[in-house]
Amino acid sequence: YHLEQAADLMCTIELTTLKFKAGESTNTDHKMFGDWRTFKQ
């Protein structure tokens, strides 16, 4: 279960990276991670 949670987090971060780079980030992405600079750091 812990491995599945870790894998899910990694996939979420990589998907969010793609969304930020494509300019398709959502309000939820911004609420969870902040702007691109904050997310990247």
ModelCIF file with pLDDT and N, C-alpha, C, O atoms, coordinates in Angstrom:
data_MODEL
#
_entry.id   MODEL 
#
_entity.id                         1 
_entity.type                       polymer 
_entity.pdbx_number_of_molecules   1 
#
_entity_poly.entity_id                      1 
_entity_poly.type                           'polypeptide(L)' 
_entity_poly.nstd_linkage                   no 
_entity_poly.nstd_monomer                   no 
_entity_poly.pdbx_seq_one_letter_code       YHLEQAADLMCTIELTTLKFKAGESTNTDHKMFGDWRTFKQ 
_entity_poly.pdbx_seq_one_letter_code_can   YHLEQAADLMCTIELTTLKFKAGESTNTDHKMFGDWRTFKQ 
_entity_poly.pdbx_strand_id                 A 
#
loop_
_entity_poly_seq.entity_id 
_entity_poly_seq.num 
_entity_poly_seq.mon_id 
_entity_poly_seq.hetero 
1 1  TYR n 
1 2  HIS n 
1 3  LEU n 
1 4  GLU n 
1 5  GLN n 
1 6  ALA n 
1 7  ALA n 
1 8  ASP n 
1 9  LEU n 
1 10 MET n 
1 11 CYS n 
1 12 THR n 
1 13 ILE n 
1 14 GLU n 
1 15 LEU n 
1 16 THR n 
1 17 THR n 
1 18 LEU n 
1 19 LYS n 
1 20 PHE n 
1 21 LYS n 
1 22 ALA n 
1 23 GLY n 
1 24 GLU n 
1 25 SER n 
1 26 THR n 
1 27 ASN n 
1 28 THR n 
1 29 ASP n 
1 30 HIS n 
1 31 LYS n 
1 32 MET n 
1 33 PHE n 
1 34 GLY n 
1 35 ASP n 
1 36 TRP n 
1 37 ARG n 
1 38 THR n 
1 39 PHE n 
1 40 LYS n 
1 41 GLN n 
#
_struct_asym.id          A 
_struct_asym.entity_id   1 
#
loop_
_ma_qa_metric.id 
_ma_qa_metric.mode 
_ma_qa_metric.name 
_ma_qa_metric.software_group_id 
_ma_qa_metric.type 
1 global pLDDT . pLDDT 
2 local  pLDDT . pLDDT 
#
_ma_qa_metric_global.metric_id      1 
_ma_qa_metric_global.metric_value   95.20 
_ma_qa_metric_global.model_id       1 
_ma_qa_metric_global.ordinal_id     1 
#
loop_
_ma_qa_metric_local.label_asym_id 
_ma_qa_metric_local.label_comp_id 
_ma_qa_metric_local.label_seq_id 
_ma_qa_metric_local.metric_id 
_ma_qa_metric_local.metric_value 
_ma_qa_metric_local.model_id 
_ma_qa_metric_local.ordinal_id 
A TYR 1  2 83.00 1 1  
A HIS 2  2 88.00 1 2  
A LEU 3  2 89.00 1 3  
A GLU 4  2 88.00 1 4  
A GLN 5  2 91.00 1 5  
A ALA 6  2 91.00 1 6  
A ALA 7  2 93.00 1 7  
A ASP 8  2 94.00 1 8  
A LEU 9  2 94.00 1 9  
A MET 10 2 95.00 1 10 
A CYS 11 2 96.00 1 11 
A THR 12 2 96.00 1 12 
A ILE 13 2 97.00 1 13 
A GLU 14 2 96.00 1 14 
A LEU 15 2 97.00 1 15 
A THR 16 2 97.00 1 16 
A THR 17 2 97.00 1 17 
A LEU 18 2 98.00 1 18 
A LYS 19 2 98.00 1 19 
A PHE 20 2 97.00 1 20 
A LYS 21 2 97.00 1 21 
A ALA 22 2 98.00 1 22 
A GLY 23 2 97.00 1 23 
A GLU 24 2 97.00 1 24 
A SER 25 2 96.00 1 25 
A THR 26 2 96.00 1 26 
A ASN 27 2 97.00 1 27 
A THR 28 2 96.00 1 28 
A ASP 29 2 96.00 1 29 
A HIS 30 2 96.00 1 30 
A LYS 31 2 97.00 1 31 
A MET 32 2 95.00 1 32 
A PHE 33 2 96.00 1 33 
A GLY 34 2 96.00 1 34 
A ASP 35 2 96.00 1 35 
A TRP 36 2 97.00 1 36 
A ARG 37 2 97.00 1 37 
A THR 38 2 97.00 1 38 
A PHE 39 2 97.00 1 39 
A LYS 40 2 97.00 1 40 
A GLN 41 2 97.00 1 41 
#
loop_
_atom_site.group_PDB 
_atom_site.id 
_atom_site.type_symbol 
_atom_site.label_atom_id 
_atom_site.label_alt_id 
_atom_site.label_comp_id 
_atom_site.label_asym_id 
_atom_site.label_entity_id 
_atom_site.label_seq_id 
_atom_site.pdbx_PDB_ins_code 
_atom_site.Cartn_x 
_atom_site.Cartn_y 
_atom_site.Cartn_z 
_atom_site.occupancy 
_atom_site.B_iso_or_equiv 
_atom_site.pdbx_formal_charge 
_atom_site.auth_seq_id 
_atom_site.auth_comp_id 
_atom_site.auth_asym_id 
_atom_site.auth_atom_id 
_atom_site.pdbx_PDB_model_num 
ATOM 1   N N  . TYR A 1 1  ? 0.830  -1.195 0.000   1.00 83.00 ? 1  TYR A N  1 
ATOM 2   C CA . TYR A 1 1  ? 0.000  0.000  0.000   1.00 83.00 ? 1  TYR A CA 1 
ATOM 3   C C  . TYR A 1 1  ? 0.869  1.251  0.000   1.00 83.00 ? 1  TYR A C  1 
ATOM 4   O O  . TYR A 1 1  ? 0.579  2.205  -0.722  1.00 83.00 ? 1  TYR A O  1 
ATOM 5   N N  . HIS A 1 2  ? 1.924  1.256  0.796   1.00 88.00 ? 2  HIS A N  1 
ATOM 6   C CA . HIS A 1 2  ? 2.826  2.405  0.849   1.00 88.00 ? 2  HIS A CA 1 
ATOM 7   C C  . HIS A 1 2  ? 3.553  2.582  -0.478  1.00 88.00 ? 2  HIS A C  1 
ATOM 8   O O  . HIS A 1 2  ? 3.761  3.710  -0.923  1.00 88.00 ? 2  HIS A O  1 
ATOM 9   N N  . LEU A 1 3  ? 3.934  1.497  -1.103  1.00 89.00 ? 3  LEU A N  1 
ATOM 10  C CA . LEU A 1 3  ? 4.575  1.587  -2.412  1.00 89.00 ? 3  LEU A CA 1 
ATOM 11  C C  . LEU A 1 3  ? 3.620  2.163  -3.452  1.00 89.00 ? 3  LEU A C  1 
ATOM 12  O O  . LEU A 1 3  ? 4.023  2.959  -4.300  1.00 89.00 ? 3  LEU A O  1 
ATOM 13  N N  . GLU A 1 4  ? 2.363  1.761  -3.383  1.00 88.00 ? 4  GLU A N  1 
ATOM 14  C CA . GLU A 1 4  ? 1.367  2.293  -4.316  1.00 88.00 ? 4  GLU A CA 1 
ATOM 15  C C  . GLU A 1 4  ? 1.153  3.785  -4.095  1.00 88.00 ? 4  GLU A C  1 
ATOM 16  O O  . GLU A 1 4  ? 0.995  4.535  -5.058  1.00 88.00 ? 4  GLU A O  1 
ATOM 17  N N  . GLN A 1 5  ? 1.146  4.218  -2.852  1.00 91.00 ? 5  GLN A N  1 
ATOM 18  C CA . GLN A 1 5  ? 0.993  5.644  -2.568  1.00 91.00 ? 5  GLN A CA 1 
ATOM 19  C C  . GLN A 1 5  ? 2.189  6.431  -3.095  1.00 91.00 ? 5  GLN A C  1 
ATOM 20  O O  . GLN A 1 5  ? 2.019  7.508  -3.665  1.00 91.00 ? 5  GLN A O  1 
ATOM 21  N N  . ALA A 1 6  ? 3.394  5.903  -2.909  1.00 91.00 ? 6  ALA A N  1 
ATOM 22  C CA . ALA A 1 6  ? 4.597  6.577  -3.401  1.00 91.00 ? 6  ALA A CA 1 
ATOM 23  C C  . ALA A 1 6  ? 4.579  6.665  -4.923  1.00 91.00 ? 6  ALA A C  1 
ATOM 24  O O  . ALA A 1 6  ? 4.920  7.704  -5.490  1.00 91.00 ? 6  ALA A O  1 
ATOM 25  N N  . ALA A 1 7  ? 4.186  5.588  -5.580  1.00 93.00 ? 7  ALA A N  1 
ATOM 26  C CA . ALA A 1 7  ? 4.105  5.591  -7.040  1.00 93.00 ? 7  ALA A CA 1 
ATOM 27  C C  . ALA A 1 7  ? 3.061  6.590  -7.521  1.00 93.00 ? 7  ALA A C  1 
ATOM 28  O O  . ALA A 1 7  ? 3.275  7.281  -8.517  1.00 93.00 ? 7  ALA A O  1 
ATOM 29  N N  . ASP A 1 8  ? 1.940  6.667  -6.822  1.00 94.00 ? 8  ASP A N  1 
ATOM 30  C CA . ASP A 1 8  ? 0.889  7.612  -7.185  1.00 94.00 ? 8  ASP A CA 1 
ATOM 31  C C  . ASP A 1 8  ? 1.387  9.049  -7.049  1.00 94.00 ? 8  ASP A C  1 
ATOM 32  O O  . ASP A 1 8  ? 1.099  9.883  -7.908  1.00 94.00 ? 8  ASP A O  1 
ATOM 33  N N  . LEU A 1 9  ? 2.121  9.346  -5.994  1.00 94.00 ? 9  LEU A N  1 
ATOM 34  C CA . LEU A 1 9  ? 2.672  10.687 -5.801  1.00 94.00 ? 9  LEU A CA 1 
ATOM 35  C C  . LEU A 1 9  ? 3.651  11.035 -6.915  1.00 94.00 ? 9  LEU A C  1 
ATOM 36  O O  . LEU A 1 9  ? 3.614  12.141 -7.453  1.00 94.00 ? 9  LEU A O  1 
ATOM 37  N N  . MET A 1 10 ? 4.526  10.095 -7.263  1.00 95.00 ? 10 MET A N  1 
ATOM 38  C CA . MET A 1 10 ? 5.496  10.350 -8.338  1.00 95.00 ? 10 MET A CA 1 
ATOM 39  C C  . MET A 1 10 ? 4.794  10.622 -9.660  1.00 95.00 ? 10 MET A C  1 
ATOM 40  O O  . MET A 1 10 ? 5.169  11.541 -10.387 1.00 95.00 ? 10 MET A O  1 
ATOM 41  N N  . CYS A 1 11 ? 3.786  9.832  -9.970  1.00 96.00 ? 11 CYS A N  1 
ATOM 42  C CA . CYS A 1 11 ? 3.031  10.028 -11.216 1.00 96.00 ? 11 CYS A CA 1 
ATOM 43  C C  . CYS A 1 11 ? 2.305  11.365 -11.204 1.00 96.00 ? 11 CYS A C  1 
ATOM 44  O O  . CYS A 1 11 ? 2.248  12.049 -12.226 1.00 96.00 ? 11 CYS A O  1 
ATOM 45  N N  . THR A 1 12 ? 1.753  11.741 -10.066 1.00 96.00 ? 12 THR A N  1 
ATOM 46  C CA . THR A 1 12 ? 1.055  13.019 -9.948  1.00 96.00 ? 12 THR A CA 1 
ATOM 47  C C  . THR A 1 12 ? 2.007  14.180 -10.189 1.00 96.00 ? 12 THR A C  1 
ATOM 48  O O  . THR A 1 12 ? 1.661  15.135 -10.886 1.00 96.00 ? 12 THR A O  1 
ATOM 49  N N  . ILE A 1 13 ? 3.192  14.105 -9.623  1.00 97.00 ? 13 ILE A N  1 
ATOM 50  C CA . ILE A 1 13 ? 4.170  15.182 -9.801  1.00 97.00 ? 13 ILE A CA 1 
ATOM 51  C C  . ILE A 1 13 ? 4.616  15.270 -11.261 1.00 97.00 ? 13 ILE A C  1 
ATOM 52  O O  . ILE A 1 13 ? 4.729  16.367 -11.808 1.00 97.00 ? 13 ILE A O  1 
ATOM 53  N N  . GLU A 1 14 ? 4.866  14.135 -11.886 1.00 96.00 ? 14 GLU A N  1 
ATOM 54  C CA . GLU A 1 14 ? 5.280  14.156 -13.290 1.00 96.00 ? 14 GLU A CA 1 
ATOM 55  C C  . GLU A 1 14 ? 4.153  14.654 -14.196 1.00 96.00 ? 14 GLU A C  1 
ATOM 56  O O  . GLU A 1 14 ? 4.414  15.406 -15.134 1.00 96.00 ? 14 GLU A O  1 
ATOM 57  N N  . LEU A 1 15 ? 2.911  14.251 -13.937 1.00 97.00 ? 15 LEU A N  1 
ATOM 58  C CA . LEU A 1 15 ? 1.779  14.733 -14.727 1.00 97.00 ? 15 LEU A CA 1 
ATOM 59  C C  . LEU A 1 15 ? 1.593  16.234 -14.543 1.00 97.00 ? 15 LEU A C  1 
ATOM 60  O O  . LEU A 1 15 ? 1.324  16.950 -15.508 1.00 97.00 ? 15 LEU A O  1 
ATOM 61  N N  . THR A 1 16 ? 1.733  16.707 -13.322 1.00 97.00 ? 16 THR A N  1 
ATOM 62  C CA . THR A 1 16 ? 1.604  18.137 -13.056 1.00 97.00 ? 16 THR A CA 1 
ATOM 63  C C  . THR A 1 16 ? 2.703  18.917 -13.761 1.00 97.00 ? 16 THR A C  1 
ATOM 64  O O  . THR A 1 16 ? 2.466  20.026 -14.238 1.00 97.00 ? 16 THR A O  1 
ATOM 65  N N  . THR A 1 17 ? 3.901  18.349 -13.831 1.00 97.00 ? 17 THR A N  1 
ATOM 66  C CA . THR A 1 17 ? 4.997  18.985 -14.576 1.00 97.00 ? 17 THR A CA 1 
ATOM 67  C C  . THR A 1 17 ? 4.604  19.178 -16.030 1.00 97.00 ? 17 THR A C  1 
ATOM 68  O O  . THR A 1 17 ? 4.795  20.257 -16.592 1.00 97.00 ? 17 THR A O  1 
ATOM 69  N N  . LEU A 1 18 ? 4.056  18.135 -16.640 1.00 98.00 ? 18 LEU A N  1 
ATOM 70  C CA . LEU A 1 18 ? 3.636  18.230 -18.034 1.00 98.00 ? 18 LEU A CA 1 
ATOM 71  C C  . LEU A 1 18 ? 2.544  19.286 -18.215 1.00 98.00 ? 18 LEU A C  1 
ATOM 72  O O  . LEU A 1 18 ? 2.548  20.031 -19.194 1.00 98.00 ? 18 LEU A O  1 
ATOM 73  N N  . LYS A 1 19 ? 1.615  19.342 -17.264 1.00 98.00 ? 19 LYS A N  1 
ATOM 74  C CA . LYS A 1 19 ? 0.533  20.322 -17.359 1.00 98.00 ? 19 LYS A CA 1 
ATOM 75  C C  . LYS A 1 19 ? 1.060  21.746 -17.223 1.00 98.00 ? 19 LYS A C  1 
ATOM 76  O O  . LYS A 1 19 ? 0.623  22.634 -17.955 1.00 98.00 ? 19 LYS A O  1 
ATOM 77  N N  . PHE A 1 20 ? 1.994  21.981 -16.294 1.00 97.00 ? 20 PHE A N  1 
ATOM 78  C CA . PHE A 1 20 ? 2.574  23.313 -16.148 1.00 97.00 ? 20 PHE A CA 1 
ATOM 79  C C  . PHE A 1 20 ? 3.317  23.711 -17.413 1.00 97.00 ? 20 PHE A C  1 
ATOM 80  O O  . PHE A 1 20 ? 3.167  24.837 -17.888 1.00 97.00 ? 20 PHE A O  1 
ATOM 81  N N  . LYS A 1 21 ? 4.114  22.806 -17.964 1.00 97.00 ? 21 LYS A N  1 
ATOM 82  C CA . LYS A 1 21 ? 4.897  23.123 -19.167 1.00 97.00 ? 21 LYS A CA 1 
ATOM 83  C C  . LYS A 1 21 ? 4.012  23.398 -20.377 1.00 97.00 ? 21 LYS A C  1 
ATOM 84  O O  . LYS A 1 21 ? 4.366  24.207 -21.235 1.00 97.00 ? 21 LYS A O  1 
ATOM 85  N N  . ALA A 1 22 ? 2.869  22.734 -20.449 1.00 98.00 ? 22 ALA A N  1 
ATOM 86  C CA . ALA A 1 22 ? 1.951  22.927 -21.574 1.00 98.00 ? 22 ALA A CA 1 
ATOM 87  C C  . ALA A 1 22 ? 1.009  24.114 -21.340 1.00 98.00 ? 22 ALA A C  1 
ATOM 88  O O  . ALA A 1 22 ? 0.210  24.451 -22.213 1.00 98.00 ? 22 ALA A O  1 
ATOM 89  N N  . GLY A 1 23 ? 1.102  24.740 -20.179 1.00 97.00 ? 23 GLY A N  1 
ATOM 90  C CA . GLY A 1 23 ? 0.223  25.856 -19.855 1.00 97.00 ? 23 GLY A CA 1 
ATOM 91  C C  . GLY A 1 23 ? -1.200 25.420 -19.573 1.00 97.00 ? 23 GLY A C  1 
ATOM 92  O O  . GLY A 1 23 ? -2.139 26.197 -19.749 1.00 97.00 ? 23 GLY A O  1 
ATOM 93  N N  . GLU A 1 24 ? -1.366 24.176 -19.134 1.00 97.00 ? 24 GLU A N  1 
ATOM 94  C CA . GLU A 1 24 ? -2.689 23.630 -18.883 1.00 97.00 ? 24 GLU A CA 1 
ATOM 95  C C  . GLU A 1 24 ? -2.921 23.297 -17.413 1.00 97.00 ? 24 GLU A C  1 
ATOM 96  O O  . GLU A 1 24 ? -3.750 22.446 -17.089 1.00 97.00 ? 24 GLU A O  1 
ATOM 97  N N  . SER A 1 25 ? -2.197 23.961 -16.532 1.00 96.00 ? 25 SER A N  1 
ATOM 98  C CA . SER A 1 25 ? -2.368 23.683 -15.104 1.00 96.00 ? 25 SER A CA 1 
ATOM 99  C C  . SER A 1 25 ? -3.743 24.164 -14.653 1.00 96.00 ? 25 SER A C  1 
ATOM 100 O O  . SER A 1 25 ? -4.283 25.137 -15.179 1.00 96.00 ? 25 SER A O  1 
ATOM 101 N N  . THR A 1 26 ? -4.289 23.469 -13.678 1.00 96.00 ? 26 THR A N  1 
ATOM 102 C CA . THR A 1 26 ? -5.636 23.761 -13.201 1.00 96.00 ? 26 THR A CA 1 
ATOM 103 C C  . THR A 1 26 ? -5.578 24.546 -11.894 1.00 96.00 ? 26 THR A C  1 
ATOM 104 O O  . THR A 1 26 ? -4.512 24.709 -11.300 1.00 96.00 ? 26 THR A O  1 
ATOM 105 N N  . ASN A 1 27 ? -6.736 25.027 -11.457 1.00 97.00 ? 27 ASN A N  1 
ATOM 106 C CA . ASN A 1 27 ? -6.805 25.717 -10.166 1.00 97.00 ? 27 ASN A CA 1 
ATOM 107 C C  . ASN A 1 27 ? -6.387 24.786 -9.037  1.00 97.00 ? 27 ASN A C  1 
ATOM 108 O O  . ASN A 1 27 ? -5.748 25.214 -8.076  1.00 97.00 ? 27 ASN A O  1 
ATOM 109 N N  . THR A 1 28 ? -6.746 23.519 -9.154  1.00 96.00 ? 28 THR A N  1 
ATOM 110 C CA . THR A 1 28 ? -6.360 22.542 -8.130  1.00 96.00 ? 28 THR A CA 1 
ATOM 111 C C  . THR A 1 28 ? -4.845 22.399 -8.069  1.00 96.00 ? 28 THR A C  1 
ATOM 112 O O  . THR A 1 28 ? -4.276 22.314 -6.980  1.00 96.00 ? 28 THR A O  1 
ATOM 113 N N  . ASP A 1 29 ? -4.188 22.370 -9.216  1.00 96.00 ? 29 ASP A N  1 
ATOM 114 C CA . ASP A 1 29 ? -2.724 22.305 -9.240  1.00 96.00 ? 29 ASP A CA 1 
ATOM 115 C C  . ASP A 1 29 ? -2.124 23.500 -8.504  1.00 96.00 ? 29 ASP A C  1 
ATOM 116 O O  . ASP A 1 29 ? -1.183 23.349 -7.725  1.00 96.00 ? 29 ASP A O  1 
ATOM 117 N N  . HIS A 1 30 ? -2.665 24.672 -8.751  1.00 96.00 ? 30 HIS A N  1 
ATOM 118 C CA . HIS A 1 30 ? -2.146 25.880 -8.110  1.00 96.00 ? 30 HIS A CA 1 
ATOM 119 C C  . HIS A 1 30 ? -2.434 25.884 -6.610  1.00 96.00 ? 30 HIS A C  1 
ATOM 120 O O  . HIS A 1 30 ? -1.610 26.355 -5.825  1.00 96.00 ? 30 HIS A O  1 
ATOM 121 N N  . LYS A 1 31 ? -3.589 25.367 -6.206  1.00 97.00 ? 31 LYS A N  1 
ATOM 122 C CA . LYS A 1 31 ? -3.902 25.300 -4.775  1.00 97.00 ? 31 LYS A CA 1 
ATOM 123 C C  . LYS A 1 31 ? -2.993 24.302 -4.058  1.00 97.00 ? 31 LYS A C  1 
ATOM 124 O O  . LYS A 1 31 ? -2.559 24.548 -2.933  1.00 97.00 ? 31 LYS A O  1 
ATOM 125 N N  . MET A 1 32 ? -2.710 23.180 -4.712  1.00 95.00 ? 32 MET A N  1 
ATOM 126 C CA . MET A 1 32 ? -1.888 22.139 -4.091  1.00 95.00 ? 32 MET A CA 1 
ATOM 127 C C  . MET A 1 32 ? -0.401 22.487 -4.097  1.00 95.00 ? 32 MET A C  1 
ATOM 128 O O  . MET A 1 32 ? 0.291  22.314 -3.093  1.00 95.00 ? 32 MET A O  1 
ATOM 129 N N  . PHE A 1 33 ? 0.085  22.982 -5.243  1.00 96.00 ? 33 PHE A N  1 
ATOM 130 C CA . PHE A 1 33 ? 1.529  23.121 -5.439  1.00 96.00 ? 33 PHE A CA 1 
ATOM 131 C C  . PHE A 1 33 ? 2.023  24.556 -5.577  1.00 96.00 ? 33 PHE A C  1 
ATOM 132 O O  . PHE A 1 33 ? 3.231  24.787 -5.524  1.00 96.00 ? 33 PHE A O  1 
ATOM 133 N N  . GLY A 1 34 ? 1.144  25.509 -5.750  1.00 96.00 ? 34 GLY A N  1 
ATOM 134 C CA . GLY A 1 34 ? 1.569  26.894 -5.970  1.00 96.00 ? 34 GLY A CA 1 
ATOM 135 C C  . GLY A 1 34 ? 1.859  27.133 -7.442  1.00 96.00 ? 34 GLY A C  1 
ATOM 136 O O  . GLY A 1 34 ? 1.360  26.415 -8.308  1.00 96.00 ? 34 GLY A O  1 
ATOM 137 N N  . ASP A 1 35 ? 2.667  28.144 -7.716  1.00 96.00 ? 35 ASP A N  1 
ATOM 138 C CA . ASP A 1 35 ? 3.005  28.442 -9.106  1.00 96.00 ? 35 ASP A CA 1 
ATOM 139 C C  . ASP A 1 35 ? 4.123  27.513 -9.589  1.00 96.00 ? 35 ASP A C  1 
ATOM 140 O O  . ASP A 1 35 ? 4.618  26.679 -8.830  1.00 96.00 ? 35 ASP A O  1 
ATOM 141 N N  . TRP A 1 36 ? 4.515  27.667 -10.858 1.00 97.00 ? 36 TRP A N  1 
ATOM 142 C CA . TRP A 1 36 ? 5.514  26.782 -11.469 1.00 97.00 ? 36 TRP A CA 1 
ATOM 143 C C  . TRP A 1 36 ? 6.828  26.808 -10.691 1.00 97.00 ? 36 TRP A C  1 
ATOM 144 O O  . TRP A 1 36 ? 7.413  25.757 -10.429 1.00 97.00 ? 36 TRP A O  1 
ATOM 145 N N  . ARG A 1 37 ? 7.290  27.995 -10.323 1.00 97.00 ? 37 ARG A N  1 
ATOM 146 C CA . ARG A 1 37 ? 8.576  28.125 -9.621  1.00 97.00 ? 37 ARG A CA 1 
ATOM 147 C C  . ARG A 1 37 ? 8.542  27.387 -8.280  1.00 97.00 ? 37 ARG A C  1 
ATOM 148 O O  . ARG A 1 37 ? 9.464  26.637 -7.957  1.00 97.00 ? 37 ARG A O  1 
ATOM 149 N N  . THR A 1 38 ? 7.495  27.597 -7.516  1.00 97.00 ? 38 THR A N  1 
ATOM 150 C CA . THR A 1 38 ? 7.357  26.941 -6.217  1.00 97.00 ? 38 THR A CA 1 
ATOM 151 C C  . THR A 1 38 ? 7.249  25.429 -6.379  1.00 97.00 ? 38 THR A C  1 
ATOM 152 O O  . THR A 1 38 ? 7.878  24.671 -5.641  1.00 97.00 ? 38 THR A O  1 
ATOM 153 N N  . PHE A 1 39 ? 6.457  25.004 -7.341  1.00 97.00 ? 39 PHE A N  1 
ATOM 154 C CA . PHE A 1 39 ? 6.301  23.570 -7.615  1.00 97.00 ? 39 PHE A CA 1 
ATOM 155 C C  . PHE A 1 39 ? 7.645  22.946 -7.972  1.00 97.00 ? 39 PHE A C  1 
ATOM 156 O O  . PHE A 1 39 ? 8.000  21.884 -7.461  1.00 97.00 ? 39 PHE A O  1 
ATOM 157 N N  . LYS A 1 40 ? 8.379  23.604 -8.843  1.00 97.00 ? 40 LYS A N  1 
ATOM 158 C CA . LYS A 1 40 ? 9.662  23.068 -9.296  1.00 97.00 ? 40 LYS A CA 1 
ATOM 159 C C  . LYS A 1 40 ? 10.651 22.948 -8.133  1.00 97.00 ? 40 LYS A C  1 
ATOM 160 O O  . LYS A 1 40 ? 11.348 21.942 -8.003  1.00 97.00 ? 40 LYS A O  1 
ATOM 161 N N  . GLN A 1 41 ? 10.706 23.978 -7.294  1.00 97.00 ? 41 GLN A N  1 
ATOM 162 C CA . GLN A 1 41 ? 11.630 23.969 -6.161  1.00 97.00 ? 41 GLN A CA 1 
ATOM 163 C C  . GLN A 1 41 ? 11.268 22.942 -5.104  1.00 97.00 ? 41 GLN A C  1 
ATOM 164 O O  . GLN A 1 41 ? 11.961 22.824 -4.093  1.00 97.00 ? 41 GLN A O  1 
#
